[in-house]
N, C-alpha and C. Protein backbone atom coordinates (compact mmCIF):
# COMPACT_ATOMS: atom_id res chain seq x y z
N MET A 1 249.38 148.59 60.79
CA MET A 1 249.96 149.02 61.60
C MET A 1 251.35 148.10 61.82
N PRO A 2 252.57 148.55 62.43
CA PRO A 2 253.11 148.03 61.94
C PRO A 2 252.94 147.15 63.55
N PRO A 3 254.16 145.40 63.76
CA PRO A 3 254.52 144.81 64.67
C PRO A 3 254.68 145.11 66.11
N LEU A 4 253.94 144.92 67.33
CA LEU A 4 255.44 145.82 68.08
C LEU A 4 256.90 144.80 68.21
N SER A 5 257.78 145.40 68.71
CA SER A 5 258.81 144.58 69.11
C SER A 5 258.63 144.16 70.62
N THR A 6 258.07 142.75 70.71
CA THR A 6 258.49 142.39 71.76
C THR A 6 259.92 142.00 73.18
N THR A 7 260.92 142.82 71.88
CA THR A 7 262.01 142.81 73.14
C THR A 7 261.89 144.29 73.25
N ASN A 8 262.85 144.77 74.68
CA ASN A 8 262.82 146.69 75.28
C ASN A 8 264.64 146.28 75.45
N ALA A 9 265.79 145.66 74.49
CA ALA A 9 266.53 146.25 73.82
C ALA A 9 266.87 147.07 74.09
N ALA A 10 268.15 147.91 74.01
CA ALA A 10 268.23 149.45 73.33
C ALA A 10 268.62 148.81 72.34
N PRO A 11 269.03 150.09 71.07
CA PRO A 11 270.06 149.32 70.45
C PRO A 11 271.66 149.10 70.42
N ALA A 12 271.82 148.51 69.77
CA ALA A 12 274.18 149.08 70.12
C ALA A 12 274.28 149.42 69.58
N PRO A 13 276.04 149.52 70.43
CA PRO A 13 276.14 151.48 71.06
C PRO A 13 277.40 150.76 69.69
N PRO A 14 277.59 152.32 69.36
CA PRO A 14 278.39 152.04 68.00
C PRO A 14 279.54 151.41 67.99
N SER A 15 281.07 150.61 67.62
CA SER A 15 281.74 149.79 67.54
C SER A 15 282.72 150.05 67.94
N ARG A 16 283.38 150.76 68.87
CA ARG A 16 285.38 151.17 69.43
C ARG A 16 285.67 150.55 68.42
N ALA A 17 285.55 149.25 67.69
CA ALA A 17 285.95 148.99 66.88
C ALA A 17 286.99 150.50 65.34
N THR A 18 285.45 150.94 65.71
CA THR A 18 286.11 152.07 63.98
C THR A 18 286.88 153.29 65.23
N GLU A 19 286.71 153.45 65.87
CA GLU A 19 286.56 154.40 67.03
C GLU A 19 288.60 154.82 65.70
N PRO A 20 288.85 154.25 66.86
CA PRO A 20 290.84 154.64 66.93
C PRO A 20 291.12 154.13 65.61
N ARG A 21 291.23 154.07 64.42
CA ARG A 21 290.78 154.25 62.99
C ARG A 21 290.44 155.66 62.61
N TYR A 22 289.57 156.88 62.84
CA TYR A 22 289.36 157.58 62.63
C TYR A 22 290.31 158.50 63.37
N ARG A 23 290.46 158.13 64.65
CA ARG A 23 291.95 159.57 65.09
C ARG A 23 292.97 159.19 64.84
N ASN A 24 293.39 158.08 64.51
CA ASN A 24 294.96 157.92 62.74
C ASN A 24 294.79 157.95 62.51
N GLN A 25 293.22 159.19 61.66
CA GLN A 25 293.71 159.95 60.78
C GLN A 25 293.96 161.28 60.57
N ALA A 26 292.98 161.37 61.81
CA ALA A 26 293.18 162.47 61.80
C ALA A 26 294.47 163.10 62.64
N ALA A 27 295.20 162.49 63.13
CA ALA A 27 295.97 162.44 63.43
C ALA A 27 297.12 162.77 62.99
N GLN A 28 297.34 162.17 61.64
CA GLN A 28 298.29 161.65 59.70
C GLN A 28 297.57 163.27 59.17
N ARG A 29 296.75 163.41 59.18
CA ARG A 29 296.44 164.82 58.25
C ARG A 29 296.70 166.07 59.29
N VAL A 30 296.86 165.89 59.95
CA VAL A 30 297.82 167.24 61.57
C VAL A 30 298.87 167.12 60.57
N LEU A 31 299.28 165.66 60.71
CA LEU A 31 301.21 165.55 60.73
C LEU A 31 301.78 166.42 58.66
N ARG A 32 300.22 165.91 58.02
CA ARG A 32 301.16 166.44 56.62
C ARG A 32 301.13 167.47 57.05
N VAL A 33 300.57 167.66 57.52
CA VAL A 33 299.89 169.49 57.75
C VAL A 33 301.34 170.26 58.70
N LEU A 34 301.76 169.71 59.48
CA LEU A 34 303.30 170.71 60.22
C LEU A 34 304.08 169.56 59.36
N SER A 35 304.78 169.08 58.77
CA SER A 35 304.83 168.45 57.44
C SER A 35 305.25 169.48 56.23
N ALA A 36 304.44 170.24 56.15
CA ALA A 36 303.99 171.11 55.43
C ALA A 36 304.53 172.11 55.35
N PHE A 37 305.79 172.50 56.38
CA PHE A 37 305.82 173.55 57.34
C PHE A 37 307.25 173.40 57.22
N ALA A 38 307.56 171.95 57.36
CA ALA A 38 309.64 171.41 57.25
C ALA A 38 310.29 172.81 55.98
N GLY A 39 309.01 172.88 54.67
CA GLY A 39 310.43 173.03 53.77
C GLY A 39 311.04 174.49 53.68
N PRO A 40 311.31 175.15 52.33
CA PRO A 40 311.72 176.08 52.70
C PRO A 40 310.66 177.19 52.74
N GLU A 41 309.40 177.02 52.00
CA GLU A 41 308.70 177.90 52.37
C GLU A 41 307.47 178.16 53.63
N ARG A 42 307.93 178.97 54.68
CA ARG A 42 307.22 178.32 55.86
C ARG A 42 305.32 179.59 55.18
N ASP A 43 305.43 180.73 54.57
CA ASP A 43 303.95 181.52 54.41
C ASP A 43 303.06 180.65 53.82
N LEU A 44 302.51 179.40 54.04
CA LEU A 44 301.50 179.15 53.58
C LEU A 44 300.13 179.80 54.19
N GLY A 45 299.69 179.55 52.40
CA GLY A 45 297.82 179.86 53.27
C GLY A 45 296.78 178.43 53.01
N VAL A 46 296.12 178.32 53.65
CA VAL A 46 295.26 177.37 54.03
C VAL A 46 294.82 176.54 52.28
N THR A 47 294.39 177.92 51.55
CA THR A 47 294.03 176.85 50.45
C THR A 47 295.77 176.47 49.29
N GLU A 48 296.67 177.49 49.81
CA GLU A 48 297.66 176.50 48.86
C GLU A 48 298.51 175.38 49.72
N LEU A 49 297.72 174.83 51.31
CA LEU A 49 298.52 173.62 51.68
C LEU A 49 296.99 173.50 51.18
N ALA A 50 296.39 173.28 51.48
CA ALA A 50 295.15 172.61 50.98
C ALA A 50 295.34 171.42 49.18
N GLN A 51 295.27 172.60 48.51
CA GLN A 51 296.97 172.34 47.54
C GLN A 51 297.82 170.96 47.22
N ARG A 52 298.37 171.60 47.59
CA ARG A 52 299.59 170.94 48.62
C ARG A 52 299.07 169.39 48.47
N LEU A 53 299.10 169.65 49.39
CA LEU A 53 298.49 168.22 50.06
C LEU A 53 297.74 167.48 49.62
N GLY A 54 296.65 167.67 48.44
CA GLY A 54 295.52 166.97 48.54
C GLY A 54 293.90 167.06 49.39
N MET A 55 293.89 168.65 49.99
CA MET A 55 292.84 167.77 51.78
C MET A 55 291.79 168.88 51.37
N ASN A 56 290.67 169.32 51.89
CA ASN A 56 290.26 169.81 51.76
C ASN A 56 290.87 171.11 52.43
N LYS A 57 290.22 171.97 52.10
CA LYS A 57 290.17 173.15 53.29
C LYS A 57 290.18 173.65 54.71
N ASN A 58 288.63 172.84 55.18
CA ASN A 58 287.60 172.70 55.54
C ASN A 58 289.18 171.84 56.45
N MET A 59 290.20 170.37 55.80
CA MET A 59 290.59 169.77 56.66
C MET A 59 291.44 170.74 57.45
N VAL A 60 292.75 171.19 56.28
CA VAL A 60 293.80 172.16 57.01
C VAL A 60 293.54 172.45 57.68
N HIS A 61 292.57 173.52 57.53
CA HIS A 61 291.89 174.28 59.00
C HIS A 61 291.63 173.93 60.28
N ARG A 62 291.00 172.51 60.10
CA ARG A 62 290.98 171.89 61.68
C ARG A 62 291.89 171.13 61.95
N ALA A 63 293.50 171.31 60.98
CA ALA A 63 294.41 170.79 61.29
C ALA A 63 295.58 171.61 61.83
N LEU A 64 295.26 172.40 61.39
CA LEU A 64 296.18 173.80 61.76
C LEU A 64 295.56 174.73 63.20
N THR A 65 294.21 174.55 63.60
CA THR A 65 293.41 175.13 64.58
C THR A 65 294.31 174.06 65.71
N THR A 66 294.23 172.57 65.24
CA THR A 66 295.03 171.45 66.21
C THR A 66 295.85 172.16 66.40
N LEU A 67 297.08 171.42 65.86
CA LEU A 67 298.34 172.49 66.13
C LEU A 67 298.34 174.53 67.01
N ALA A 68 297.80 175.45 65.65
CA ALA A 68 296.94 176.72 67.12
C ALA A 68 297.41 176.05 68.46
N ALA A 69 296.03 174.65 68.71
CA ALA A 69 295.80 174.75 70.22
C ALA A 69 296.81 173.98 71.10
N GLY A 70 297.75 173.52 70.55
CA GLY A 70 299.06 172.87 70.98
C GLY A 70 300.39 174.04 71.29
N ARG A 71 299.34 175.01 70.38
CA ARG A 71 300.91 175.57 70.64
C ARG A 71 301.85 174.91 69.83
N LEU A 72 301.51 174.39 68.91
CA LEU A 72 302.91 173.73 67.48
C LEU A 72 303.76 174.56 67.35
N LEU A 73 302.59 176.26 66.81
CA LEU A 73 303.08 176.86 65.34
C LEU A 73 302.75 178.59 66.04
N SER A 74 303.58 177.48 67.21
CA SER A 74 304.24 179.05 67.82
C SER A 74 305.63 180.08 67.78
N ALA A 75 306.13 178.02 67.46
CA ALA A 75 307.35 179.72 66.21
C ALA A 75 306.99 179.47 64.82
N ILE A 76 306.39 179.84 64.12
CA ILE A 76 305.94 180.02 63.21
C ILE A 76 304.97 181.49 62.79
N LEU A 77 304.90 181.85 64.22
CA LEU A 77 304.80 183.30 64.24
C LEU A 77 305.51 184.22 64.54
N TYR A 78 304.89 185.36 63.26
CA TYR A 78 306.60 185.63 63.44
C TYR A 78 305.94 187.58 64.76
N GLY A 79 307.27 187.08 65.19
CA GLY A 79 306.80 188.25 66.49
C GLY A 79 305.83 188.03 67.13
N LEU A 80 305.35 187.66 67.57
CA LEU A 80 303.58 186.83 68.36
C LEU A 80 303.58 186.10 68.86
N SER A 81 304.02 186.32 70.34
CA SER A 81 303.62 185.19 71.22
C SER A 81 302.25 184.05 70.90
N PRO A 82 301.87 183.38 71.40
CA PRO A 82 300.44 183.12 71.41
C PRO A 82 299.70 183.43 73.14
N ARG A 83 300.50 184.17 73.77
CA ARG A 83 299.81 184.65 75.03
C ARG A 83 299.48 186.21 74.95
N ASP A 84 299.94 186.62 73.56
CA ASP A 84 300.24 188.22 73.77
C ASP A 84 299.22 189.19 73.79
N PRO A 85 299.45 189.13 75.12
CA PRO A 85 297.77 190.25 75.70
C PRO A 85 297.58 192.07 74.66
N VAL A 86 298.37 191.82 74.02
CA VAL A 86 297.67 193.57 73.02
C VAL A 86 297.31 192.20 71.60
N THR A 87 297.90 191.91 71.18
CA THR A 87 296.52 191.39 69.92
C THR A 87 295.39 190.76 70.65
N TYR A 88 295.64 189.88 71.95
CA TYR A 88 294.33 189.55 72.45
C TYR A 88 293.20 190.68 71.87
N ALA A 89 294.09 191.66 72.45
CA ALA A 89 293.17 193.23 72.68
C ALA A 89 292.65 193.08 71.87
N THR A 90 293.78 193.63 70.21
CA THR A 90 293.11 194.00 69.40
C THR A 90 292.42 192.72 68.65
N ALA A 91 292.38 192.40 67.72
CA ALA A 91 291.10 190.40 67.89
C ALA A 91 289.75 191.47 69.18
N ILE A 92 290.12 191.44 69.95
CA ILE A 92 289.05 190.94 71.15
C ILE A 92 287.99 192.83 70.34
N LEU A 93 288.26 193.89 70.59
CA LEU A 93 288.38 194.68 70.07
C LEU A 93 287.52 194.93 67.70
N LEU A 94 288.33 194.62 67.34
CA LEU A 94 288.29 194.08 66.12
C LEU A 94 286.96 193.38 66.26
N MET A 95 286.63 192.47 66.45
CA MET A 95 285.54 192.04 66.84
C MET A 95 284.42 192.61 66.91
N ALA A 96 284.31 193.38 67.74
CA ALA A 96 283.86 193.99 68.18
C ALA A 96 283.46 195.30 67.52
N LEU A 97 283.83 195.36 67.64
CA LEU A 97 283.55 196.61 66.07
C LEU A 97 282.62 195.64 64.53
N VAL A 98 283.76 195.42 64.24
CA VAL A 98 282.23 194.55 63.10
C VAL A 98 281.16 194.25 63.09
N ALA A 99 281.05 193.28 64.91
CA ALA A 99 279.59 193.44 65.63
C ALA A 99 278.41 194.53 65.02
N LEU A 100 279.43 195.49 65.72
CA LEU A 100 278.43 196.54 66.01
C LEU A 100 277.69 197.19 64.75
N LEU A 101 278.60 197.35 63.55
CA LEU A 101 279.08 198.04 62.55
C LEU A 101 278.03 196.44 61.73
N ALA A 102 277.82 195.80 61.47
CA ALA A 102 276.74 194.78 61.78
C ALA A 102 275.88 195.26 62.18
N CYS A 103 275.30 195.45 62.96
CA CYS A 103 273.93 195.61 64.08
C CYS A 103 273.32 196.63 63.74
N TRP A 104 274.29 197.47 63.13
CA TRP A 104 274.61 199.70 63.41
C TRP A 104 273.01 199.23 61.89
N SER A 105 273.22 199.12 60.65
CA SER A 105 271.96 199.44 59.34
C SER A 105 270.65 198.95 59.99
N PRO A 106 271.09 197.55 60.56
CA PRO A 106 268.50 197.05 60.42
C PRO A 106 268.55 197.83 61.69
N ALA A 107 269.55 198.17 62.74
CA ALA A 107 268.74 198.89 63.74
C ALA A 107 268.45 200.16 63.87
N SER A 108 269.29 200.76 62.84
CA SER A 108 269.23 202.17 62.88
C SER A 108 268.12 202.18 61.41
N ARG A 109 267.81 201.53 60.90
CA ARG A 109 266.03 201.44 59.65
C ARG A 109 265.22 200.90 60.67
N ALA A 110 265.22 200.07 61.97
CA ALA A 110 264.34 200.27 62.69
C ALA A 110 263.69 200.83 63.08
N ILE A 111 264.53 201.94 63.62
CA ILE A 111 264.57 202.78 64.28
C ILE A 111 263.36 204.34 64.02
N HIS A 112 264.69 203.73 63.18
CA HIS A 112 262.79 205.11 61.50
C HIS A 112 261.52 205.05 60.56
N ILE A 113 261.58 203.26 61.57
CA ILE A 113 259.61 202.84 61.57
C ILE A 113 258.77 202.74 62.56
N ASP A 114 257.93 203.91 61.95
CA ASP A 114 256.84 204.43 62.80
C ASP A 114 256.46 203.05 63.06
N PRO A 115 256.31 202.65 63.94
CA PRO A 115 255.03 201.21 64.73
C PRO A 115 253.45 200.62 64.37
N ALA A 116 253.28 201.97 64.24
CA ALA A 116 251.18 201.50 64.57
C ALA A 116 251.46 201.54 62.77
N SER A 117 251.86 202.20 61.31
CA SER A 117 252.09 202.76 60.65
C SER A 117 251.88 200.94 59.99
N THR A 118 253.12 200.38 60.55
CA THR A 118 253.21 199.00 59.74
C THR A 118 252.31 198.32 60.96
N LEU A 119 252.29 198.54 61.22
CA LEU A 119 250.83 197.45 62.70
C LEU A 119 249.39 197.62 61.89
N ARG A 120 249.47 198.52 61.35
CA ARG A 120 248.05 198.95 60.60
C ARG A 120 248.23 198.41 58.96
N GLU A 121 249.31 198.15 58.98
CA GLU A 121 249.51 198.37 57.10
C GLU A 121 249.08 196.29 57.02
N GLU A 122 249.83 195.97 58.58
CA GLU A 122 249.25 193.87 58.55
C GLU A 122 248.06 193.57 59.37
C-alpha cells in the first residue's frame, strides 16, 4: 500500500507564464492566414491554404473560423453580408433536410421490424 500523504495541499495550478506564448502563436497563425488573402489569388480552399502556409488543415480551419466570427472576412464574401437572413434560412433548411434524410433510413427499417419476433429471437 502506498504511503499516505501528510499534506492536504492541492496541486499547483498550471503556470500562467506559458499562456501568452500559446495565445501569441494562435494570433500569429490567424495573421498568416489573413495575409494569404492579400495576394492576387483570393479563391483559396482550406487545403490550398494549409499547403501554402505549411500548416495543418485543422489549424487553418480554426483561423478562418476565428476570422469569420470577427467579421474580418466579410469583404471576401462575394455577394453575401455576414448577417444575410436568406443565407441563414437556406443553411438552416439544408441542415434540417440532411438531418431528416440521415434519420429516415434507420427509422423506416425500425418501423418494419416486428418487436415480438425480435424479442423471441433474443
